[in-house]
Each structure stands twice: as structure tokens, then as C-alpha cells.
């Protein structure tokens, strides 16, 4: 799993964000991060795009 961070440049939606960091997590750390997000109220959603 990768965690990307960045900054918004200009007007939101007019320009792509500037990616500043990328952190690669091991499987165990990714599972821990997933559990943490779920306890904070995050929920899995259905994809908004179609699979090809």
C-alpha cells in the first residue's frame, strides 16, 4: 500500500495537486493503518468507475 501526500495548487479542480511524498507500507503496517482508519469512521465505498 502507498500513502501519497501533496499540496493543492491554485484553484481546486483547475490544476492537479502537487505530490510531495510517497510512503510504501508493508502488509502488516497497511493492515494496521486500515484498522486505524475504520476506527476513525472511514468506510469502504463502491467504485465510481467501471472495471474493464
PDB file of N, CA and C in Angstrom:
ATOM      1  N   UNK A   1       0.845  -1.159   0.000  1.00  0.00           N
ATOM      2  CA  UNK A   1       0.000   0.000   0.000  1.00  0.00           C
ATOM      3  C   UNK A   1       0.892   1.223   0.000  1.00  0.00           C
ATOM      4  N   UNK A   2       0.450   2.244  -0.724  1.00  0.00           N
ATOM      5  CA  UNK A   2       1.169   3.514  -0.769  1.00  0.00           C
ATOM      6  C   UNK A   2       0.297   4.597  -0.159  1.00  0.00           C
ATOM      7  N   UNK A   3       0.915   5.496   0.580  1.00  0.00           N
ATOM      8  CA  UNK A   3       0.228   6.676   1.085  1.00  0.00           C
ATOM      9  C   UNK A   3       0.889   7.876   0.427  1.00  0.00           C
ATOM     10  N   UNK A   4       0.129   8.572  -0.431  1.00  0.00           N
ATOM     11  CA  UNK A   4       0.631   9.749  -1.132  1.00  0.00           C
ATOM     12  C   UNK A   4       0.136  11.005  -0.432  1.00  0.00           C
ATOM     13  N   UNK A   5       0.992  12.007  -0.360  1.00  0.00           N
ATOM     14  CA  UNK A   5       0.629  13.303   0.205  1.00  0.00           C
ATOM     15  C   UNK A   5       0.987  14.371  -0.808  1.00  0.00           C
ATOM     16  N   UNK A   6       0.282  15.488  -0.740  1.00  0.00           N
ATOM     17  CA  UNK A   6       0.568  16.558  -1.678  1.00  0.00           C
ATOM     18  C   UNK A   6      -0.020  17.875  -1.241  1.00  0.00           C
ATOM     19  N   UNK A   7       0.030  18.839  -2.155  1.00  0.00           N
ATOM     20  CA  UNK A   7      -0.499  20.177  -1.904  1.00  0.00           C
ATOM     21  C   UNK A   7      -1.401  20.571  -3.056  1.00  0.00           C
ATOM     22  N   UNK A   8      -2.429  21.330  -2.736  1.00  0.00           N
ATOM     23  CA  UNK A   8      -3.308  21.871  -3.768  1.00  0.00           C
ATOM     24  C   UNK A   8      -2.671  23.153  -4.282  1.00  0.00           C
ATOM     25  N   UNK A   9      -2.604  23.278  -5.597  1.00  0.00           N
ATOM     26  CA  UNK A   9      -2.036  24.469  -6.217  1.00  0.00           C
ATOM     27  C   UNK A   9      -3.154  25.241  -6.915  1.00  0.00           C
ATOM     28  N   UNK A  10      -3.154  26.522  -6.774  1.00  0.00           N
ATOM     29  CA  UNK A  10      -4.142  27.344  -7.456  1.00  0.00           C
ATOM     30  C   UNK A  10      -5.553  27.049  -6.968  1.00  0.00           C
ATOM     31  N   UNK A  11      -6.510  27.118  -7.908  1.00  0.00           N
ATOM     32  CA  UNK A  11      -7.917  26.888  -7.597  1.00  0.00           C
ATOM     33  C   UNK A  11      -8.189  25.395  -7.635  1.00  0.00           C
ATOM     34  N   UNK A  12      -8.883  24.898  -6.603  1.00  0.00           N
ATOM     35  CA  UNK A  12      -9.188  23.469  -6.515  1.00  0.00           C
ATOM     36  C   UNK A  12      -9.921  22.999  -7.767  1.00  0.00           C
ATOM     37  N   UNK A  13      -9.415  21.964  -8.392  1.00  0.00           N
ATOM     38  CA  UNK A  13     -10.037  21.405  -9.580  1.00  0.00           C
ATOM     39  C   UNK A  13      -9.517  21.969 -10.882  1.00  0.00           C
ATOM     40  N   UNK A  14      -8.838  23.095 -10.843  1.00  0.00           N
ATOM     41  CA  UNK A  14      -8.310  23.703 -12.074  1.00  0.00           C
ATOM     42  C   UNK A  14      -6.936  23.152 -12.432  1.00  0.00           C
ATOM     43  N   UNK A  15      -6.172  22.795 -11.400  1.00  0.00           N
ATOM     44  CA  UNK A  15      -4.832  22.251 -11.614  1.00  0.00           C
ATOM     45  C   UNK A  15      -4.676  20.985 -10.793  1.00  0.00           C
ATOM     46  N   UNK A  16      -3.900  20.019 -11.279  1.00  0.00           N
ATOM     47  CA  UNK A  16      -3.683  18.807 -10.488  1.00  0.00           C
ATOM     48  C   UNK A  16      -2.865  19.121  -9.236  1.00  0.00           C
ATOM     49  N   UNK A  17      -3.057  18.355  -8.160  1.00  0.00           N
ATOM     50  CA  UNK A  17      -2.265  18.596  -6.953  1.00  0.00           C
ATOM     51  C   UNK A  17      -0.794  18.249  -7.183  1.00  0.00           C
ATOM     52  N   UNK A  18       0.061  18.868  -6.409  1.00  0.00           N
ATOM     53  CA  UNK A  18       1.497  18.582  -6.459  1.00  0.00           C
ATOM     54  C   UNK A  18       1.789  17.504  -5.432  1.00  0.00           C
ATOM     55  N   UNK A  19       2.194  16.326  -5.878  1.00  0.00           N
ATOM     56  CA  UNK A  19       2.509  15.228  -4.966  1.00  0.00           C
ATOM     57  C   UNK A  19       3.881  15.498  -4.348  1.00  0.00           C
ATOM     58  N   UNK A  20       3.931  15.437  -3.012  1.00  0.00           N
ATOM     59  CA  UNK A  20       5.181  15.769  -2.331  1.00  0.00           C
ATOM     60  C   UNK A  20       5.872  14.561  -1.723  1.00  0.00           C
ATOM     61  N   UNK A  21       5.114  13.578  -1.250  1.00  0.00           N
ATOM     62  CA  UNK A  21       5.736  12.395  -0.655  1.00  0.00           C
ATOM     63  C   UNK A  21       4.954  11.138  -1.006  1.00  0.00           C
ATOM     64  N   UNK A  22       5.632  10.025  -0.971  1.00  0.00           N
ATOM     65  CA  UNK A  22       5.002   8.716  -1.137  1.00  0.00           C
ATOM     66  C   UNK A  22       5.646   7.768  -0.144  1.00  0.00           C
ATOM     67  N   UNK A  23       4.801   7.126   0.673  1.00  0.00           N
ATOM     68  CA  UNK A  23       5.287   6.177   1.678  1.00  0.00           C
ATOM     69  C   UNK A  23       4.754   4.789   1.319  1.00  0.00           C
ATOM     70  N   UNK A  24       5.646   3.822   1.230  1.00  0.00           N
ATOM     71  CA  UNK A  24       5.241   2.440   0.954  1.00  0.00           C
ATOM     72  C   UNK A  24       5.183   1.678   2.276  1.00  0.00           C
ATOM     73  N   UNK A  25       4.026   1.048   2.535  1.00  0.00           N
ATOM     74  CA  UNK A  25       3.848   0.309   3.773  1.00  0.00           C
ATOM     75  C   UNK A  25       3.949  -1.195   3.525  1.00  0.00           C
ATOM     76  N   UNK A  26       4.496  -1.892   4.498  1.00  0.00           N
ATOM     77  CA  UNK A  26       4.494  -3.350   4.437  1.00  0.00           C
ATOM     78  C   UNK A  26       3.059  -3.836   4.645  1.00  0.00           C
ATOM     79  N   UNK A  27       2.813  -5.091   4.379  1.00  0.00           N
ATOM     80  CA  UNK A  27       1.472  -5.645   4.516  1.00  0.00           C
ATOM     81  C   UNK A  27       0.947  -5.467   5.936  1.00  0.00           C
ATOM     82  N   UNK A  28       1.748  -5.780   6.928  1.00  0.00           N
ATOM     83  CA  UNK A  28       1.303  -5.658   8.316  1.00  0.00           C
ATOM     84  C   UNK A  28       1.015  -4.206   8.701  1.00  0.00           C
ATOM     85  N   UNK A  29       1.861  -3.278   8.279  1.00  0.00           N
ATOM     86  CA  UNK A  29       1.615  -1.867   8.591  1.00  0.00           C
ATOM     87  C   UNK A  29       0.392  -1.355   7.841  1.00  0.00           C
ATOM     88  N   UNK A  30       0.174  -1.825   6.619  1.00  0.00           N
ATOM     89  CA  UNK A  30      -1.011  -1.430   5.857  1.00  0.00           C
ATOM     90  C   UNK A  30      -2.278  -1.924   6.550  1.00  0.00           C
ATOM     91  N   UNK A  31      -2.240  -3.134   7.082  1.00  0.00           N
ATOM     92  CA  UNK A  31      -3.397  -3.656   7.823  1.00  0.00           C
ATOM     93  C   UNK A  31      -3.649  -2.832   9.074  1.00  0.00           C
ATOM     94  N   UNK A  32      -2.598  -2.453   9.779  1.00  0.00           N
ATOM     95  CA  UNK A  32      -2.751  -1.614  10.963  1.00  0.00           C
ATOM     96  C   UNK A  32      -3.358  -0.254  10.587  1.00  0.00           C
ATOM     97  N   UNK A  33      -2.882   0.320   9.493  1.00  0.00           N
ATOM     98  CA  UNK A  33      -3.406   1.609   9.032  1.00  0.00           C
ATOM     99  C   UNK A  33      -4.890   1.488   8.665  1.00  0.00           C
ATOM    100  N   UNK A  34      -5.269   0.398   7.998  1.00  0.00           N
ATOM    101  CA  UNK A  34      -6.666   0.162   7.635  1.00  0.00           C
ATOM    102  C   UNK A  34      -7.541   0.088   8.888  1.00  0.00           C
ATOM    103  N   UNK A  35      -7.089  -0.650   9.885  1.00  0.00           N
ATOM    104  CA  UNK A  35      -7.851  -0.761  11.142  1.00  0.00           C
ATOM    105  C   UNK A  35      -8.008   0.612  11.806  1.00  0.00           C
ATOM    106  N   UNK A  36      -6.944   1.401  11.769  1.00  0.00           N
ATOM    107  CA  UNK A  36      -6.988   2.734  12.362  1.00  0.00           C
ATOM    108  C   UNK A  36      -8.014   3.613  11.646  1.00  0.00           C
ATOM    109  N   UNK A  37      -8.033   3.568  10.326  1.00  0.00           N
ATOM    110  CA  UNK A  37      -8.986   4.370   9.561  1.00  0.00           C
ATOM    111  C   UNK A  37     -10.421   3.944   9.848  1.00  0.00           C
ATOM    112  N   UNK A  38     -10.666   2.642   9.939  1.00  0.00           N
ATOM    113  CA  UNK A  38     -12.014   2.136  10.221  1.00  0.00           C
ATOM    114  C   UNK A  38     -12.481   2.621  11.599  1.00  0.00           C
ATOM    115  N   UNK A  39     -11.586   2.599  12.596  1.00  0.00           N
ATOM    116  CA  UNK A  39     -11.982   3.057  13.931  1.00  0.00           C
ATOM    117  C   UNK A  39     -12.229   4.565  13.964  1.00  0.00           C
ATOM    118  N   UNK A  40     -11.656   5.301  13.003  1.00  0.00           N
ATOM    119  CA  UNK A  40     -11.880   6.747  12.922  1.00  0.00           C
ATOM    120  C   UNK A  40     -13.150   7.090  12.151  1.00  0.00           C
ATOM    121  N   UNK A  41     -13.866   6.047  11.661  1.00  0.00           N
ATOM    122  CA  UNK A  41     -15.120   6.312  10.964  1.00  0.00           C
ATOM    123  C   UNK A  41     -15.068   6.191   9.452  1.00  0.00           C
ATOM    124  N   UNK A  42     -13.906   5.891   8.883  1.00  0.00           N
ATOM    125  CA  UNK A  42     -13.825   5.702   7.440  1.00  0.00           C
ATOM    126  C   UNK A  42     -14.610   4.451   7.078  1.00  0.00           C
ATOM    127  N   UNK A  43     -15.187   4.433   5.884  1.00  0.00           N
ATOM    128  CA  UNK A  43     -15.949   3.290   5.407  1.00  0.00           C
ATOM    129  C   UNK A  43     -15.557   2.946   3.981  1.00  0.00           C
ATOM    130  N   UNK A  44     -15.640   1.667   3.659  1.00  0.00           N
ATOM    131  CA  UNK A  44     -15.394   1.215   2.292  1.00  0.00           C
ATOM    132  C   UNK A  44     -16.562   1.680   1.428  1.00  0.00           C
ATOM    133  N   UNK A  45     -16.285   2.160   0.241  1.00  0.00           N
ATOM    134  CA  UNK A  45     -17.331   2.599  -0.680  1.00  0.00           C
ATOM    135  C   UNK A  45     -17.284   1.772  -1.953  1.00  0.00           C
ATOM    136  N   UNK A  46     -18.352   1.844  -2.711  1.00  0.00           N
ATOM    137  CA  UNK A  46     -18.381   1.155  -4.005  1.00  0.00           C
ATOM    138  C   UNK A  46     -17.592   1.983  -5.017  1.00  0.00           C
ATOM    139  N   UNK A  47     -16.945   1.318  -5.979  1.00  0.00           N
ATOM    140  CA  UNK A  47     -16.199   2.065  -7.009  1.00  0.00           C
ATOM    141  C   UNK A  47     -17.147   2.949  -7.819  1.00  0.00           C
ATOM    142  N   UNK A  48     -16.675   4.119  -8.234  1.00  0.00           N
ATOM    143  CA  UNK A  48     -17.480   5.014  -9.064  1.00  0.00           C
ATOM    144  C   UNK A  48     -17.112   4.880 -10.538  1.00  0.00           C
ATOM    145  N   UNK A  49     -16.221   3.968 -10.846  1.00  0.00           N
ATOM    146  CA  UNK A  49     -15.831   3.724 -12.222  1.00  0.00           C
ATOM    147  C   UNK A  49     -16.142   2.271 -12.553  1.00  0.00           C
ATOM    148  N   UNK A  50     -16.159   1.982 -13.821  1.00  0.00           N
ATOM    149  CA  UNK A  50     -16.445   0.615 -14.267  1.00  0.00           C
ATOM    150  C   UNK A  50     -15.138  -0.121 -14.509  1.00  0.00           C
ATOM    151  N   UNK A  51     -15.095  -1.388 -14.113  1.00  0.00           N
ATOM    152  CA  UNK A  51     -13.902  -2.195 -14.393  1.00  0.00           C
ATOM    153  C   UNK A  51     -13.927  -2.639 -15.837  1.00  0.00           C
ATOM    154  N   UNK A  52     -12.755  -2.663 -16.458  1.00  0.00           N
ATOM    155  CA  UNK A  52     -12.662  -3.049 -17.870  1.00  0.00           C
ATOM    156  C   UNK A  52     -12.330  -4.503 -18.003  1.00  0.00           C
TER     157      UNK A  52
END
